[in-house]
Amino acid sequence: MLREVNRLKLRLGAGTSLRAPSRAEGTNKRGFTLIEVIVALTISALVVLVAHQLFAAVAARGRALTAARAALDRAANARRWLAATLLSLDVGTEGASGFEGRPNRTAFSAWLLTPDGWFERRQVTLGADRGRLVATLSSGTPIALRDSVNDVEFDYLLEPGAESRWVREWVSAVSAPLAIRIRIATPGNSVDTLVFLVKERG
């Protein structure tokens, strides 16, 4: 019996005891407390919230930039359309109407490019309508050239040069002014002035 105990001691190694581990030794590994979990979740939520606000701000600025670019493109297209229309003005020829320029609106005939690719003579009326500068055509839908318009005034160039003379009205069946000046009053008491040359006086 003594011999077997000695053999067992040799197998286990010198100084090794056969006792069961105590309760304190079994709980050396420590887990997360409830407070640590709550703090970690709070920090994670704050990070997600800040990231969401940053992405929302970037998206809002992107939408504002897109809207501003579209507004600039629309304004440039409106100016190009007005310039091309007034340069193709037709007055004093057979089948064309006269030029009627009033302080708040202008009506004339012009050769306009159709969607099918050819030019067609149409009656054009420019004026303010429901807070917009609108070109009304004899056929087709009206073209909104400018939004947020409080008032529109037209002037007509009678004589060129250093002492150029502008008149408030020009009504003629056979002639047109040298140029048209459009003053657009917008919200905020600002006035935009556009000047367009006319192809011919008649």
Protein backbone atom coordinates (compact mmCIF):
# COMPACT_ATOMS: atom_id res chain seq x y z
CA MET A 1 0.00 0.00 0.00
CA LEU A 2 2.79 2.38 0.85
CA ARG A 3 4.49 1.50 -2.38
CA GLU A 4 1.38 2.47 -4.42
CA VAL A 5 1.10 5.83 -2.65
CA ASN A 6 4.74 6.59 -3.45
CA ARG A 7 4.19 5.69 -7.09
CA LEU A 8 1.21 8.02 -7.25
CA LYS A 9 3.24 10.84 -5.77
CA LEU A 10 5.96 10.31 -8.33
CA ARG A 11 3.42 10.42 -11.14
CA LEU A 12 1.84 13.65 -9.95
CA GLY A 13 5.14 15.28 -9.22
CA ALA A 14 6.70 16.38 -6.03
CA GLY A 15 4.72 18.92 -4.03
CA THR A 16 1.49 18.38 -5.94
CA SER A 17 -1.50 18.03 -3.74
CA LEU A 18 -4.57 16.03 -4.51
CA ARG A 19 -7.01 18.54 -3.00
CA ALA A 20 -9.90 20.06 -5.01
CA PRO A 21 -9.53 23.71 -6.15
CA SER A 22 -10.98 26.26 -3.79
CA ARG A 23 -13.91 28.54 -4.67
CA ALA A 24 -11.66 31.62 -4.83
CA GLU A 25 -9.34 30.01 -7.36
CA GLY A 26 -12.26 29.10 -9.68
CA THR A 27 -13.51 32.69 -10.00
CA ASN A 28 -10.27 34.40 -11.04
CA LYS A 29 -11.68 35.20 -14.53
CA ARG A 30 -13.66 38.44 -14.34
CA GLY A 31 -16.59 39.43 -16.71
CA PHE A 32 -18.13 42.85 -17.66
CA THR A 33 -20.25 44.58 -15.07
CA LEU A 34 -23.65 46.08 -15.93
CA ILE A 35 -22.32 49.64 -15.66
CA GLU A 36 -19.51 48.90 -18.14
CA VAL A 37 -22.02 47.48 -20.64
CA ILE A 38 -24.30 50.54 -20.28
CA VAL A 39 -21.34 52.94 -20.76
CA ALA A 40 -20.20 51.04 -23.86
CA LEU A 41 -23.72 51.09 -25.33
CA THR A 42 -24.06 54.83 -24.61
CA ILE A 43 -20.77 55.64 -26.35
CA SER A 44 -21.74 53.48 -29.33
CA ALA A 45 -25.10 55.26 -29.59
CA LEU A 46 -23.41 58.68 -29.49
CA VAL A 47 -20.98 57.66 -32.24
CA VAL A 48 -23.85 56.40 -34.43
CA LEU A 49 -25.85 59.61 -33.79
CA VAL A 50 -22.92 61.90 -34.70
CA ALA A 51 -22.19 59.85 -37.82
CA HIS A 52 -25.86 60.05 -38.87
CA GLN A 53 -25.89 63.83 -38.40
CA LEU A 54 -22.69 64.20 -40.44
CA PHE A 55 -24.06 62.09 -43.28
CA ALA A 56 -27.38 64.00 -43.18
CA ALA A 57 -25.54 67.34 -43.37
CA VAL A 58 -23.43 66.15 -46.31
CA ALA A 59 -26.55 64.89 -48.11
CA ALA A 60 -28.39 68.18 -47.46
CA ARG A 61 -25.47 70.20 -48.83
CA GLY A 62 -25.34 67.95 -51.87
CA ARG A 63 -29.05 68.51 -52.52
CA ALA A 64 -28.62 72.29 -52.07
CA LEU A 65 -25.69 72.28 -54.51
CA THR A 66 -27.71 70.29 -57.06
CA ALA A 67 -30.65 72.70 -56.72
CA ALA A 68 -28.37 75.74 -57.11
CA ARG A 69 -26.73 74.22 -60.19
CA ALA A 70 -30.16 73.47 -61.71
CA ALA A 71 -31.29 77.06 -61.02
CA LEU A 72 -28.15 78.45 -62.69
CA ASP A 73 -28.62 76.15 -65.69
CA ARG A 74 -32.25 77.19 -65.98
CA ALA A 75 -31.36 80.91 -65.82
CA ALA A 76 -28.66 80.45 -68.47
CA ASN A 77 -31.07 78.51 -70.70
CA ALA A 78 -33.70 81.26 -70.29
CA ARG A 79 -31.20 83.94 -71.35
CA ARG A 80 -30.10 81.86 -74.35
CA TRP A 81 -33.74 81.30 -75.38
CA LEU A 82 -34.57 85.02 -75.07
CA ALA A 83 -31.44 86.03 -77.03
CA ALA A 84 -32.16 83.54 -79.83
CA THR A 85 -35.85 84.48 -79.98
CA LEU A 86 -35.21 88.23 -80.19
CA LEU A 87 -32.47 87.72 -82.79
CA SER A 88 -35.00 85.80 -84.94
CA LEU A 89 -37.73 88.43 -84.50
CA ASP A 90 -39.82 88.86 -87.65
CA VAL A 91 -41.62 92.15 -88.20
CA GLY A 92 -42.74 93.96 -91.32
CA THR A 93 -42.82 90.88 -93.55
CA GLU A 94 -45.86 89.19 -95.03
CA GLY A 95 -47.69 87.08 -92.48
CA ALA A 96 -45.83 88.55 -89.51
CA SER A 97 -47.53 90.54 -86.83
CA GLY A 98 -46.24 93.93 -85.74
CA PHE A 99 -44.20 94.68 -82.67
CA GLU A 100 -46.16 95.70 -79.59
CA GLY A 101 -43.95 96.85 -76.75
CA ARG A 102 -45.66 97.99 -73.57
CA PRO A 103 -44.12 98.87 -70.18
CA ASN A 104 -45.20 95.53 -68.65
CA ARG A 105 -45.30 93.16 -71.65
CA THR A 106 -44.02 92.65 -75.19
CA ALA A 107 -45.61 90.82 -78.14
CA PHE A 108 -44.02 90.03 -81.51
CA SER A 109 -43.52 87.32 -84.15
CA ALA A 110 -40.33 85.24 -84.21
CA TRP A 111 -38.95 82.16 -85.93
CA LEU A 112 -38.60 79.46 -83.27
CA LEU A 113 -36.95 76.05 -83.50
CA THR A 114 -39.52 73.26 -83.15
CA PRO A 115 -38.85 69.87 -81.50
CA ASP A 116 -38.88 68.34 -85.01
CA GLY A 117 -35.85 70.41 -86.02
CA TRP A 118 -37.30 73.11 -88.30
CA PHE A 119 -38.15 76.76 -87.70
CA GLU A 120 -41.71 77.95 -87.42
CA ARG A 121 -43.02 81.49 -87.09
CA ARG A 122 -44.93 81.97 -83.85
CA GLN A 123 -46.45 84.81 -81.91
CA VAL A 124 -44.55 85.39 -78.65
CA THR A 125 -45.73 87.39 -75.64
CA LEU A 126 -43.37 88.14 -72.75
CA GLY A 127 -44.69 89.26 -69.37
CA ALA A 128 -45.19 88.47 -65.71
CA ASP A 129 -47.72 85.81 -64.77
CA ARG A 130 -48.33 84.48 -61.24
CA GLY A 131 -44.93 85.48 -59.92
CA ARG A 132 -42.96 84.27 -62.95
CA LEU A 133 -41.54 85.73 -66.16
CA VAL A 134 -43.36 83.76 -68.84
CA ALA A 135 -43.13 83.49 -72.61
CA THR A 136 -46.57 82.65 -74.01
CA LEU A 137 -46.54 81.17 -77.52
CA SER A 138 -49.32 81.13 -80.09
CA SER A 139 -49.22 77.33 -79.95
CA GLY A 140 -47.73 75.12 -77.30
CA THR A 141 -47.35 75.44 -73.59
CA PRO A 142 -46.05 78.65 -71.96
CA ILE A 143 -42.36 78.72 -71.06
CA ALA A 144 -41.45 79.82 -67.52
CA LEU A 145 -38.24 81.82 -67.90
CA ARG A 146 -37.82 83.02 -64.31
CA ASP A 147 -39.38 82.21 -60.93
CA SER A 148 -39.85 84.47 -57.89
CA VAL A 149 -40.70 87.59 -59.87
CA ASN A 150 -42.49 90.51 -58.22
CA ASP A 151 -42.67 92.75 -61.28
CA VAL A 152 -41.33 93.03 -64.84
CA GLU A 153 -40.70 96.25 -66.78
CA PHE A 154 -39.66 96.58 -70.42
CA ASP A 155 -37.74 99.42 -72.11
CA TYR A 156 -37.00 99.77 -75.82
CA LEU A 157 -33.83 101.22 -77.38
CA LEU A 158 -34.62 103.97 -79.85
CA GLU A 159 -31.12 105.28 -80.64
CA PRO A 160 -27.71 103.62 -80.08
CA GLY A 161 -24.49 105.29 -78.98
CA ALA A 162 -23.24 107.21 -75.99
CA GLU A 163 -26.50 109.12 -75.70
CA SER A 164 -28.69 106.07 -76.13
CA ARG A 165 -32.36 106.76 -75.69
CA TRP A 166 -34.74 104.25 -74.18
CA VAL A 167 -38.50 104.58 -74.51
CA ARG A 168 -41.25 102.98 -72.41
CA GLU A 169 -43.42 101.91 -75.37
CA TRP A 170 -42.86 100.81 -78.96
CA VAL A 171 -45.86 99.90 -81.06
CA SER A 172 -45.35 99.49 -84.81
CA ALA A 173 -46.57 97.21 -87.58
CA VAL A 174 -43.33 97.51 -89.56
CA SER A 175 -40.44 98.10 -87.15
CA ALA A 176 -38.91 96.95 -83.89
CA PRO A 177 -36.51 98.60 -81.43
CA LEU A 178 -32.76 98.04 -81.57
CA ALA A 179 -32.76 96.29 -78.21
CA ILE A 180 -35.04 95.37 -75.33
CA ARG A 181 -34.17 95.95 -71.71
CA ILE A 182 -35.99 93.77 -69.15
CA ARG A 183 -35.93 94.84 -65.50
CA ILE A 184 -37.00 92.02 -63.18
CA ALA A 185 -37.89 92.88 -59.57
CA THR A 186 -37.29 89.94 -57.26
CA PRO A 187 -38.00 89.40 -53.55
CA GLY A 188 -35.60 91.31 -51.33
CA ASN A 189 -35.95 94.58 -53.31
CA SER A 190 -33.34 93.57 -55.87
CA VAL A 191 -33.67 94.26 -59.60
CA ASP A 192 -31.98 92.20 -62.33
CA THR A 193 -31.50 93.96 -65.66
CA LEU A 194 -31.21 91.98 -68.90
CA VAL A 195 -30.49 93.57 -72.29
CA PHE A 196 -31.12 91.73 -75.57
CA LEU A 197 -30.36 92.89 -79.10
CA VAL A 198 -33.06 92.66 -81.75
CA LYS A 199 -32.14 91.34 -85.17
CA GLU A 200 -33.62 94.14 -87.20
CA ARG A 201 -35.90 97.11 -86.88
CA GLY A 202 -38.01 96.19 -89.86
